[in-house]
N, C-alpha and C. Protein backbone atom coordinates (compact mmCIF):
# COMPACT_ATOMS: atom_id res chain seq x y z
N UNK A 1 71.35 21.04 -16.84
CA UNK A 1 69.37 21.03 -15.71
C UNK A 1 68.72 21.39 -16.41
N UNK A 2 67.53 20.82 -16.85
CA UNK A 2 66.01 21.23 -17.11
C UNK A 2 65.44 22.10 -17.26
N UNK A 3 64.90 22.39 -18.31
CA UNK A 3 63.43 23.79 -18.10
C UNK A 3 61.86 23.61 -17.27
N UNK A 4 62.29 22.14 -17.06
CA UNK A 4 61.59 21.96 -16.99
C UNK A 4 60.49 21.48 -16.14
N UNK A 5 59.12 22.43 -16.31
CA UNK A 5 58.25 22.67 -15.04
C UNK A 5 57.47 22.48 -14.10
N UNK A 6 57.44 21.75 -13.05
CA UNK A 6 56.57 20.95 -11.94
C UNK A 6 55.22 20.61 -12.59
N UNK A 7 54.81 19.29 -12.20
CA UNK A 7 52.88 19.22 -13.03
C UNK A 7 52.43 20.00 -11.61
N UNK A 8 51.10 19.98 -12.94
CA UNK A 8 50.37 21.24 -11.83
C UNK A 8 49.38 20.17 -10.32
N UNK A 9 48.93 21.03 -9.83
CA UNK A 9 48.53 20.92 -8.52
C UNK A 9 47.29 20.12 -8.68
N UNK A 10 46.32 18.75 -8.29
CA UNK A 10 45.17 19.46 -8.38
C UNK A 10 44.39 18.58 -9.87
N UNK A 11 43.22 18.49 -9.53
CA UNK A 11 42.34 17.36 -9.83
C UNK A 11 42.92 18.55 -11.69
N UNK A 12 42.67 18.07 -12.71
CA UNK A 12 42.78 18.18 -14.51
C UNK A 12 41.23 18.78 -14.36
N UNK A 13 40.77 19.76 -15.17
CA UNK A 13 40.43 20.82 -15.76
C UNK A 13 38.80 19.59 -16.64
N UNK A 14 37.95 19.90 -16.45
CA UNK A 14 37.20 18.89 -17.37
C UNK A 14 36.70 19.89 -18.87
N UNK A 15 35.97 18.66 -19.62
CA UNK A 15 36.45 19.80 -20.51
C UNK A 15 35.13 20.67 -21.11
N UNK A 16 34.54 21.74 -21.40
CA UNK A 16 33.67 22.55 -21.32
C UNK A 16 32.31 21.60 -21.45
N UNK A 17 31.65 20.85 -22.20
CA UNK A 17 30.12 20.39 -22.39
C UNK A 17 30.04 20.10 -20.36
N UNK A 18 30.83 19.45 -19.53
CA UNK A 18 31.22 19.23 -18.95
C UNK A 18 30.85 19.61 -17.26
N UNK A 19 30.69 21.22 -17.78
CA UNK A 19 31.48 21.85 -16.89
C UNK A 19 30.14 22.21 -15.89
N UNK A 20 29.95 22.42 -14.55
CA UNK A 20 28.52 23.12 -14.64
C UNK A 20 28.41 24.56 -14.44
N UNK A 21 27.96 25.53 -14.51
CA UNK A 21 27.92 26.52 -14.59
C UNK A 21 28.41 27.28 -13.32
N UNK A 22 26.79 27.17 -12.48
CA UNK A 22 27.09 27.81 -11.34
C UNK A 22 26.78 26.78 -10.21
N UNK A 23 27.17 27.75 -9.29
CA UNK A 23 26.54 26.34 -7.94
C UNK A 23 25.87 27.45 -6.84
N UNK A 24 25.28 27.65 -6.76
CA UNK A 24 24.32 28.22 -6.05
C UNK A 24 23.74 27.26 -4.19
N UNK A 25 24.07 28.62 -3.82
CA UNK A 25 24.10 28.54 -2.03
C UNK A 25 22.93 27.89 -1.95
N UNK A 26 22.40 27.14 -0.32
CA UNK A 26 20.90 27.39 -0.26
C UNK A 26 21.02 26.39 1.28
N UNK A 27 20.38 27.17 2.58
CA UNK A 27 20.20 26.92 4.29
C UNK A 27 18.94 25.57 3.77
N UNK A 28 19.42 24.44 4.83
CA UNK A 28 18.02 23.65 4.57
C UNK A 28 18.16 24.04 5.99
N UNK A 29 16.95 22.78 6.73
CA UNK A 29 16.27 22.35 7.54
C UNK A 29 17.38 20.86 7.10
N UNK A 30 17.48 20.22 8.14
CA UNK A 30 18.30 18.87 8.42
C UNK A 30 16.94 17.98 7.91
N UNK A 31 15.38 18.59 8.98
CA UNK A 31 14.91 17.28 8.61
C UNK A 31 14.87 16.99 6.68
N UNK A 32 14.60 18.86 6.12
CA UNK A 32 14.86 18.76 4.47
C UNK A 32 15.71 18.04 4.06
N UNK A 33 16.75 18.09 4.71
CA UNK A 33 18.21 17.29 3.76
C UNK A 33 17.79 15.64 4.41
N UNK A 34 17.04 15.69 5.21
CA UNK A 34 17.29 14.09 4.98
C UNK A 34 15.94 13.23 3.99
N UNK A 35 14.58 14.01 4.47
CA UNK A 35 14.12 13.62 3.15
C UNK A 35 14.08 13.88 1.83
N UNK A 36 15.28 14.64 1.34
CA UNK A 36 16.02 14.94 0.27
C UNK A 36 16.63 13.88 -0.42
N UNK A 37 17.60 13.43 0.50
CA UNK A 37 18.50 12.71 0.53
C UNK A 37 17.58 10.85 0.01
N UNK A 38 16.18 11.40 0.94
CA UNK A 38 15.67 9.64 1.29
C UNK A 38 15.12 9.78 -0.82
N UNK A 39 14.66 10.80 -1.35
CA UNK A 39 13.76 10.86 -2.40
C UNK A 39 14.31 10.46 -2.87
N UNK A 40 16.58 10.98 -2.78
CA UNK A 40 17.28 10.89 -4.15
C UNK A 40 17.50 9.07 -4.22
N UNK A 41 17.77 8.36 -2.93
CA UNK A 41 17.94 6.90 -3.15
C UNK A 41 17.47 6.36 -3.57
N UNK A 42 16.24 6.66 -2.60
CA UNK A 42 14.94 5.40 -3.66
C UNK A 42 14.58 6.07 -5.52
N UNK A 43 15.42 6.54 -5.97
CA UNK A 43 15.18 7.50 -7.28
C UNK A 43 17.21 6.88 -8.48
N UNK A 44 17.57 6.55 -7.34
CA UNK A 44 18.72 5.87 -7.36
C UNK A 44 20.09 7.18 -8.26
N UNK A 45 20.21 8.22 -7.33
CA UNK A 45 20.06 9.43 -7.88
C UNK A 45 20.92 10.04 -7.08
N UNK A 46 22.43 10.63 -6.76
CA UNK A 46 22.50 11.85 -6.05
C UNK A 46 21.41 12.54 -5.32
N UNK A 47 22.38 13.34 -4.40
CA UNK A 47 21.43 13.81 -3.63
C UNK A 47 20.91 15.18 -4.79
N UNK A 48 21.91 16.10 -5.13
CA UNK A 48 22.63 17.00 -6.58
C UNK A 48 21.50 16.89 -8.05
N UNK A 49 21.69 15.42 -8.07
CA UNK A 49 21.20 15.52 -10.00
C UNK A 49 19.38 14.81 -9.01
N UNK A 50 19.30 14.52 -8.01
CA UNK A 50 17.92 14.96 -7.29
C UNK A 50 17.13 16.33 -7.59
N UNK A 51 18.36 16.96 -6.67
CA UNK A 51 17.48 18.18 -6.23
C UNK A 51 17.33 18.98 -7.97
N UNK A 52 18.31 18.84 -9.43
CA UNK A 52 18.57 19.32 -9.76
C UNK A 52 17.39 19.31 -11.18
N UNK A 53 16.95 18.07 -10.91
CA UNK A 53 15.63 17.59 -12.19
C UNK A 53 14.52 17.77 -11.16
N UNK A 54 14.31 17.67 -10.45
CA UNK A 54 12.71 18.07 -9.33
C UNK A 54 12.82 19.75 -9.16
N UNK A 55 13.75 20.59 -8.88
CA UNK A 55 13.96 21.98 -10.01
C UNK A 55 13.11 22.41 -10.98
N UNK A 56 13.79 21.65 -11.98
CA UNK A 56 14.34 21.37 -13.40
C UNK A 56 12.79 21.98 -14.20
N UNK A 57 12.38 20.55 -13.45
CA UNK A 57 10.50 19.55 -13.60
C UNK A 57 10.24 21.48 -13.55
N UNK A 58 9.88 21.63 -11.90
CA UNK A 58 8.85 22.57 -11.00
C UNK A 58 9.52 24.03 -12.09
N UNK A 59 10.41 24.27 -12.72
CA UNK A 59 10.11 25.10 -13.08
C UNK A 59 10.47 24.85 -14.75
N UNK A 60 9.28 24.09 -15.10
CA UNK A 60 8.46 23.76 -16.57
C UNK A 60 7.60 23.69 -16.40
N UNK A 61 6.99 23.96 -14.96
CA UNK A 61 5.35 23.61 -15.12
C UNK A 61 5.14 24.93 -14.91
């Protein structure tokens, strides 16, 4: 009998530089979500990418 452990379940951990630091829950109205998704699609970004870049730009101003 071997003492091998079964492989771990789930996705492997990401390298340190690629891990997102925090998740910030936010409630949005359906109309806002649709508007934001449309804006993200127009810039060929995911909704999350679009929200991060837009919030970052607003914070820098």
